[in-house]
Amino acid sequence: MGAIPPLRGKLVAGDAGRFSDLDSRAVTGDQLTPHHMPQAAAKFTSREEGGALALPHEEHVLTRTYGVRGRAIVRTEASLPFRQVLARDIRDVRYIAGAKYNRHYWV
């Protein structure tokens, strides 16, 4: 079983994958942002290789790691393992958006 190939075409809210794959599909003015999970500042991965979820801008600004909140969280969670930080980010998105991004891709 190999890696899941990146999605192609226009970026859609709920698309998930490497940040660089999502960012390359973003269109100026589409109001969609690839949201790093965990945030890139945590340095679990490189910015490009990190996992991300495409969110509408109005949801992205509500996330726990957006802007100033993110700078505080990266310091307070510095000793936590990747899985724990990722779980917090997933719960955060579910709190903001409910289950609307819970879809499965079959390869």
N, C-alpha and C. Protein backbone atom coordinates (compact mmCIF):
# COMPACT_ATOMS: atom_id res chain seq x y z
N MET A 1 0.85 -1.18 0.00
CA MET A 1 0.00 0.00 0.00
C MET A 1 0.89 1.23 0.00
N GLY A 2 0.71 2.12 -0.95
CA GLY A 2 1.53 3.31 -1.07
C GLY A 2 0.87 4.53 -0.48
N ALA A 3 1.52 5.65 -0.69
CA ALA A 3 0.98 6.92 -0.21
C ALA A 3 -0.25 7.30 -1.02
N ILE A 4 -1.16 8.02 -0.37
CA ILE A 4 -2.37 8.50 -1.05
C ILE A 4 -1.96 9.64 -1.96
N PRO A 5 -2.33 9.58 -3.24
CA PRO A 5 -1.94 10.65 -4.16
C PRO A 5 -2.67 11.95 -3.82
N PRO A 6 -2.03 13.09 -4.09
CA PRO A 6 -2.69 14.37 -3.80
C PRO A 6 -3.90 14.58 -4.69
N LEU A 7 -4.89 15.30 -4.17
CA LEU A 7 -6.05 15.66 -4.96
C LEU A 7 -5.64 16.65 -6.05
N ARG A 8 -6.37 16.69 -7.11
CA ARG A 8 -6.08 17.59 -8.23
C ARG A 8 -7.22 18.59 -8.37
N GLY A 9 -6.98 19.64 -9.12
CA GLY A 9 -8.03 20.61 -9.42
C GLY A 9 -8.15 21.69 -8.36
N LYS A 10 -9.24 22.40 -8.43
CA LYS A 10 -9.51 23.53 -7.55
C LYS A 10 -9.61 23.09 -6.09
N LEU A 11 -9.04 23.89 -5.21
CA LEU A 11 -9.10 23.62 -3.78
C LEU A 11 -10.54 23.77 -3.29
N VAL A 12 -10.98 22.84 -2.45
CA VAL A 12 -12.32 22.83 -1.90
C VAL A 12 -12.21 22.72 -0.38
N ALA A 13 -13.07 23.44 0.35
CA ALA A 13 -13.07 23.35 1.81
C ALA A 13 -13.22 21.89 2.21
N GLY A 14 -12.36 21.45 3.12
CA GLY A 14 -12.36 20.08 3.58
C GLY A 14 -11.29 19.21 2.94
N ASP A 15 -10.67 19.68 1.86
CA ASP A 15 -9.56 18.93 1.27
C ASP A 15 -8.44 18.86 2.30
N ALA A 16 -7.78 17.72 2.36
CA ALA A 16 -6.70 17.53 3.32
C ALA A 16 -5.50 16.94 2.61
N GLY A 17 -4.31 17.22 3.15
CA GLY A 17 -3.08 16.69 2.57
C GLY A 17 -1.89 17.50 3.01
N ARG A 18 -0.78 17.36 2.28
CA ARG A 18 0.40 18.16 2.57
C ARG A 18 0.08 19.63 2.32
N PHE A 19 0.62 20.50 3.18
CA PHE A 19 0.39 21.93 3.01
C PHE A 19 0.75 22.39 1.61
N SER A 20 1.90 21.96 1.11
CA SER A 20 2.36 22.42 -0.21
C SER A 20 1.41 21.99 -1.32
N ASP A 21 0.82 20.80 -1.22
CA ASP A 21 -0.13 20.34 -2.23
C ASP A 21 -1.39 21.19 -2.22
N LEU A 22 -1.90 21.49 -1.02
CA LEU A 22 -3.11 22.31 -0.93
C LEU A 22 -2.83 23.74 -1.35
N ASP A 23 -1.70 24.28 -0.89
CA ASP A 23 -1.36 25.66 -1.21
C ASP A 23 -1.18 25.86 -2.71
N SER A 24 -0.66 24.86 -3.40
CA SER A 24 -0.45 24.98 -4.84
C SER A 24 -1.78 25.00 -5.60
N ARG A 25 -2.84 24.54 -4.99
CA ARG A 25 -4.15 24.51 -5.64
C ARG A 25 -5.02 25.71 -5.25
N ALA A 26 -4.56 26.50 -4.29
CA ALA A 26 -5.34 27.67 -3.85
C ALA A 26 -5.34 28.73 -4.95
N VAL A 27 -6.44 29.45 -5.03
CA VAL A 27 -6.61 30.51 -6.02
C VAL A 27 -6.80 31.82 -5.26
N THR A 28 -6.09 32.85 -5.65
CA THR A 28 -6.23 34.15 -5.01
C THR A 28 -7.69 34.57 -5.02
N GLY A 29 -8.19 34.95 -3.85
CA GLY A 29 -9.57 35.41 -3.74
C GLY A 29 -10.58 34.32 -3.45
N ASP A 30 -10.15 33.04 -3.35
CA ASP A 30 -11.12 31.97 -3.10
C ASP A 30 -11.55 31.88 -1.64
N GLN A 31 -10.90 32.67 -0.77
CA GLN A 31 -11.21 32.71 0.66
C GLN A 31 -11.00 31.37 1.35
N LEU A 32 -10.13 30.51 0.79
CA LEU A 32 -9.77 29.23 1.42
C LEU A 32 -8.32 29.28 1.84
N THR A 33 -8.03 28.68 2.99
CA THR A 33 -6.69 28.68 3.54
C THR A 33 -6.31 27.27 3.98
N PRO A 34 -5.15 26.75 3.55
CA PRO A 34 -4.68 25.49 4.12
C PRO A 34 -4.26 25.73 5.57
N HIS A 35 -4.93 25.06 6.49
CA HIS A 35 -4.68 25.22 7.93
C HIS A 35 -3.77 24.10 8.41
N HIS A 36 -2.53 24.44 8.80
CA HIS A 36 -1.58 23.45 9.30
C HIS A 36 -2.14 22.78 10.55
N MET A 37 -2.01 21.47 10.61
CA MET A 37 -2.39 20.69 11.79
C MET A 37 -1.35 19.61 12.00
N PRO A 38 -0.54 19.69 13.05
CA PRO A 38 -0.30 20.79 13.96
C PRO A 38 0.33 21.98 13.25
N GLN A 39 0.29 23.12 13.92
CA GLN A 39 0.80 24.34 13.30
C GLN A 39 2.28 24.19 12.93
N ALA A 40 2.67 24.85 11.85
CA ALA A 40 4.04 24.76 11.36
C ALA A 40 5.05 25.24 12.40
N ALA A 41 4.67 26.20 13.23
CA ALA A 41 5.58 26.74 14.25
C ALA A 41 5.98 25.69 15.28
N ALA A 42 5.22 24.60 15.40
CA ALA A 42 5.56 23.54 16.35
C ALA A 42 6.76 22.72 15.85
N LYS A 43 7.06 22.84 14.56
CA LYS A 43 8.24 22.22 13.94
C LYS A 43 8.27 20.69 14.04
N PHE A 44 7.09 20.07 14.01
CA PHE A 44 7.05 18.61 13.92
C PHE A 44 7.47 18.17 12.51
N THR A 45 7.16 19.01 11.52
CA THR A 45 7.52 18.75 10.13
C THR A 45 7.95 20.09 9.51
N SER A 46 8.40 20.03 8.28
CA SER A 46 8.67 21.29 7.57
C SER A 46 7.33 21.93 7.22
N ARG A 47 7.36 23.21 6.91
CA ARG A 47 6.14 23.93 6.53
C ARG A 47 5.48 23.26 5.32
N GLU A 48 6.26 22.89 4.33
CA GLU A 48 5.74 22.31 3.10
C GLU A 48 5.17 20.91 3.30
N GLU A 49 5.84 20.09 4.11
CA GLU A 49 5.45 18.69 4.30
C GLU A 49 4.36 18.48 5.34
N GLY A 50 4.08 19.50 6.14
CA GLY A 50 3.10 19.37 7.22
C GLY A 50 1.70 19.12 6.70
N GLY A 51 0.92 18.42 7.51
CA GLY A 51 -0.47 18.15 7.17
C GLY A 51 -1.32 19.40 7.30
N ALA A 52 -2.34 19.50 6.44
CA ALA A 52 -3.20 20.67 6.46
C ALA A 52 -4.61 20.30 6.03
N LEU A 53 -5.55 21.16 6.41
CA LEU A 53 -6.95 21.03 6.04
C LEU A 53 -7.38 22.37 5.45
N ALA A 54 -8.00 22.34 4.27
CA ALA A 54 -8.46 23.58 3.64
C ALA A 54 -9.71 24.09 4.36
N LEU A 55 -9.62 25.30 4.89
CA LEU A 55 -10.72 25.91 5.61
C LEU A 55 -11.09 27.25 4.99
N PRO A 56 -12.39 27.61 5.04
CA PRO A 56 -12.76 28.98 4.66
C PRO A 56 -12.09 29.94 5.63
N HIS A 57 -11.70 31.11 5.14
CA HIS A 57 -11.00 32.07 5.97
C HIS A 57 -11.74 32.36 7.28
N GLU A 58 -13.06 32.50 7.23
CA GLU A 58 -13.81 32.84 8.45
C GLU A 58 -13.74 31.74 9.50
N GLU A 59 -13.51 30.50 9.11
CA GLU A 59 -13.30 29.42 10.08
C GLU A 59 -11.84 29.40 10.52
N HIS A 60 -10.93 29.64 9.60
CA HIS A 60 -9.50 29.61 9.93
C HIS A 60 -9.18 30.60 11.04
N VAL A 61 -9.74 31.80 11.00
CA VAL A 61 -9.42 32.80 12.02
C VAL A 61 -9.97 32.41 13.39
N LEU A 62 -10.89 31.47 13.46
CA LEU A 62 -11.44 31.00 14.74
C LEU A 62 -10.61 29.89 15.38
N THR A 63 -9.66 29.32 14.63
CA THR A 63 -8.89 28.20 15.16
C THR A 63 -7.99 28.62 16.31
N ARG A 64 -7.67 27.67 17.14
CA ARG A 64 -6.89 27.93 18.35
C ARG A 64 -5.45 28.35 18.05
N THR A 65 -4.97 28.07 16.85
CA THR A 65 -3.57 28.37 16.51
C THR A 65 -3.43 29.54 15.56
N TYR A 66 -4.50 30.25 15.28
CA TYR A 66 -4.44 31.38 14.35
C TYR A 66 -3.81 32.60 15.03
N GLY A 67 -2.88 33.23 14.36
CA GLY A 67 -2.30 34.50 14.81
C GLY A 67 -1.65 34.46 16.18
N VAL A 68 -1.99 35.41 17.01
CA VAL A 68 -1.39 35.55 18.35
C VAL A 68 -1.66 34.32 19.21
N ARG A 69 -2.84 33.73 19.08
CA ARG A 69 -3.16 32.52 19.87
C ARG A 69 -2.16 31.42 19.55
N GLY A 70 -1.80 31.29 18.28
CA GLY A 70 -0.86 30.26 17.87
C GLY A 70 0.51 30.41 18.50
N ARG A 71 0.97 31.65 18.61
CA ARG A 71 2.27 31.89 19.23
C ARG A 71 2.27 31.49 20.70
N ALA A 72 1.18 31.74 21.39
CA ALA A 72 1.08 31.34 22.80
C ALA A 72 0.98 29.82 22.93
N ILE A 73 0.19 29.20 22.07
CA ILE A 73 -0.01 27.74 22.15
C ILE A 73 1.26 26.98 21.83
N VAL A 74 2.04 27.44 20.86
CA VAL A 74 3.28 26.72 20.51
C VAL A 74 4.22 26.69 21.71
N ARG A 75 4.21 27.74 22.52
CA ARG A 75 5.06 27.75 23.73
C ARG A 75 4.50 26.82 24.80
N THR A 76 3.20 26.88 25.05
CA THR A 76 2.62 26.06 26.12
C THR A 76 2.57 24.58 25.77
N GLU A 77 2.59 24.24 24.49
CA GLU A 77 2.52 22.83 24.09
C GLU A 77 3.86 22.28 23.61
N ALA A 78 4.93 23.00 23.85
CA ALA A 78 6.26 22.61 23.35
C ALA A 78 6.69 21.22 23.80
N SER A 79 6.25 20.78 24.96
CA SER A 79 6.68 19.48 25.47
C SER A 79 5.72 18.35 25.11
N LEU A 80 4.64 18.65 24.44
CA LEU A 80 3.65 17.62 24.11
C LEU A 80 4.03 16.86 22.84
N PRO A 81 3.64 15.59 22.77
CA PRO A 81 3.94 14.81 21.56
C PRO A 81 3.02 15.19 20.39
N PHE A 82 3.48 14.87 19.19
CA PHE A 82 2.76 15.16 17.96
C PHE A 82 1.30 14.73 18.03
N ARG A 83 1.04 13.49 18.41
CA ARG A 83 -0.33 12.96 18.40
C ARG A 83 -1.26 13.76 19.30
N GLN A 84 -0.77 14.18 20.43
CA GLN A 84 -1.60 14.93 21.36
C GLN A 84 -1.94 16.32 20.80
N VAL A 85 -0.96 16.97 20.20
CA VAL A 85 -1.19 18.29 19.60
C VAL A 85 -2.15 18.16 18.41
N LEU A 86 -1.94 17.15 17.57
CA LEU A 86 -2.83 16.93 16.43
C LEU A 86 -4.26 16.66 16.90
N ALA A 87 -4.42 15.85 17.93
CA ALA A 87 -5.76 15.56 18.46
C ALA A 87 -6.45 16.85 18.94
N ARG A 88 -5.70 17.73 19.56
CA ARG A 88 -6.26 19.01 20.01
C ARG A 88 -6.71 19.85 18.81
N ASP A 89 -5.91 19.84 17.74
CA ASP A 89 -6.27 20.60 16.55
C ASP A 89 -7.51 20.02 15.87
N ILE A 90 -7.61 18.72 15.82
CA ILE A 90 -8.79 18.07 15.22
C ILE A 90 -10.04 18.41 16.03
N ARG A 91 -9.95 18.31 17.35
CA ARG A 91 -11.10 18.67 18.20
C ARG A 91 -11.48 20.14 18.01
N ASP A 92 -10.49 21.00 17.85
CA ASP A 92 -10.74 22.42 17.64
C ASP A 92 -11.54 22.65 16.36
N VAL A 93 -11.12 22.02 15.26
CA VAL A 93 -11.84 22.19 13.99
C VAL A 93 -13.25 21.61 14.11
N ARG A 94 -13.40 20.49 14.79
CA ARG A 94 -14.74 19.92 14.97
C ARG A 94 -15.63 20.82 15.82
N TYR A 95 -15.05 21.50 16.79
CA TYR A 95 -15.81 22.44 17.61
C TYR A 95 -16.30 23.61 16.74
N ILE A 96 -15.45 24.08 15.84
CA ILE A 96 -15.78 25.22 14.97
C ILE A 96 -16.75 24.81 13.87
N ALA A 97 -16.49 23.69 13.21
CA ALA A 97 -17.21 23.33 11.98
C ALA A 97 -18.11 22.11 12.11
N GLY A 98 -18.17 21.48 13.26
CA GLY A 98 -18.96 20.26 13.39
C GLY A 98 -18.34 19.14 12.58
N ALA A 99 -19.18 18.29 12.03
CA ALA A 99 -18.71 17.11 11.31
C ALA A 99 -18.63 17.32 9.79
N LYS A 100 -18.77 18.56 9.32
CA LYS A 100 -18.85 18.75 7.88
C LYS A 100 -17.58 18.38 7.10
N TYR A 101 -16.44 18.26 7.78
CA TYR A 101 -15.22 17.86 7.08
C TYR A 101 -14.85 16.39 7.33
N ASN A 102 -15.76 15.62 7.90
CA ASN A 102 -15.52 14.20 8.16
C ASN A 102 -15.90 13.38 6.94
N ARG A 103 -15.09 13.46 5.89
CA ARG A 103 -15.35 12.63 4.72
C ARG A 103 -14.16 11.73 4.48
N HIS A 104 -14.41 10.66 3.74
CA HIS A 104 -13.35 9.68 3.49
C HIS A 104 -13.06 9.61 2.00
N TYR A 105 -11.80 9.44 1.69
CA TYR A 105 -11.37 9.26 0.30
C TYR A 105 -10.90 7.83 0.15
N TRP A 106 -11.41 7.16 -0.85
CA TRP A 106 -10.99 5.79 -1.13
C TRP A 106 -10.12 5.81 -2.38
N VAL A 107 -8.99 5.16 -2.29
CA VAL A 107 -8.05 5.15 -3.41
C VAL A 107 -8.14 3.82 -4.11
